[in-house]
Protein backbone atom coordinates (compact mmCIF):
# COMPACT_ATOMS: atom_id res chain seq x y z
CA THR A 1 -172.57 -37.28 70.10
CA SER A 2 -174.29 -40.67 69.78
CA ALA A 3 -172.34 -42.56 66.89
CA PHE A 4 -175.49 -42.61 65.02
CA HIS A 5 -175.46 -38.88 64.54
CA VAL A 6 -171.94 -38.19 63.92
CA ARG A 7 -171.95 -38.02 60.37
CA ARG A 8 -174.91 -35.68 60.36
CA ALA A 9 -173.57 -33.69 63.25
CA VAL A 10 -169.95 -33.09 61.79
CA GLY A 11 -171.71 -32.05 58.44
CA CYS A 12 -173.75 -29.58 60.24
CA PHE A 13 -170.46 -28.10 62.13
CA GLU A 14 -168.22 -28.30 59.07
CA LYS A 15 -170.64 -26.38 56.79
CA ALA A 16 -170.96 -23.61 59.92
CA GLY A 17 -167.04 -23.40 59.37
CA ILE A 18 -166.31 -25.07 62.68
CA GLN A 19 -163.53 -27.74 62.80
CA VAL A 20 -164.57 -30.71 64.71
CA HIS A 21 -162.90 -33.69 66.27
CA PRO A 22 -165.92 -36.19 66.79
CA PHE A 23 -165.86 -38.31 69.69
CA PRO A 24 -168.86 -40.76 69.20
CA THR A 25 -170.32 -42.76 71.95
CA ASP A 26 -173.23 -45.20 72.41
CA PHE A 27 -172.56 -47.47 69.66
CA TYR A 28 -174.97 -50.12 68.63
CA SER A 29 -172.90 -52.70 67.27
CA GLY A 30 -170.98 -55.71 68.30
CA SER A 31 -169.61 -59.01 67.37
CA GLY A 32 -173.21 -60.39 66.97
CA ALA A 33 -172.35 -63.44 68.70
CA LYS A 34 -172.47 -63.85 72.74
CA GLU A 35 -169.09 -65.06 74.20
CA GLY A 36 -168.19 -68.38 73.77
CA THR A 37 -170.52 -69.25 71.01
CA SER A 38 -170.28 -68.51 66.99
CA LEU A 39 -173.07 -67.39 64.60
CA ALA A 40 -175.31 -70.10 62.84
CA PHE A 41 -176.21 -69.62 59.23
CA THR A 42 -179.75 -68.74 60.28
CA ASP A 43 -178.57 -65.79 62.41
CA TYR A 44 -177.34 -64.06 59.27
CA ILE A 45 -181.06 -64.71 57.82
CA PHE A 46 -183.15 -64.00 60.93
CA PRO A 47 -182.15 -61.39 63.11
CA ASP A 48 -183.00 -61.68 66.67
CA ALA A 49 -185.52 -59.35 68.05
CA GLU A 50 -183.80 -56.90 69.78
CA THR A 51 -181.49 -56.24 66.26
CA PHE A 52 -184.87 -56.22 64.41
CA GLY A 53 -186.30 -53.56 67.05
CA ASN A 54 -183.49 -51.29 66.36
CA THR A 55 -183.90 -50.89 62.37
CA HIS A 56 -186.04 -47.76 63.38
CA LYS A 57 -183.07 -45.93 64.43
CA ILE A 58 -181.20 -46.31 61.08
CA CYS A 59 -184.04 -45.58 59.10
CA ARG A 60 -184.67 -42.53 61.12
CA GLU A 61 -180.92 -41.49 61.12
CA ILE A 62 -180.98 -41.80 57.07
CA LEU A 63 -184.28 -39.80 56.66
CA GLY A 64 -182.74 -37.31 59.12
CA PHE A 65 -179.45 -36.86 56.88
CA ILE A 66 -181.53 -36.52 53.65
CA MET A 67 -183.75 -34.15 55.09
CA TYR A 68 -180.47 -32.07 56.26
CA ARG A 69 -178.99 -32.39 52.83
CA ILE A 70 -182.32 -30.97 51.41
CA ILE A 71 -182.41 -28.08 53.65
CA GLY A 72 -179.11 -27.21 53.23
CA TYR A 73 -177.58 -27.85 56.69
CA VAL A 74 -175.07 -30.66 55.27
């Protein structure tokens, strides 16, 4: 499954009594700097457009995990 969903997916399987060995794919992380460059001070304060655009994914995943917890899936 996508690396973003591993925690929620593993929780669901374990709740059902199924032992899993997760193999996450589709990571959204990296070194932060392009090869051959380093991060400037402002890079820590102002994310680039692509990084900022991906914040909705983590917000949705957090909300999904909370809802799974409330419903009892995890």
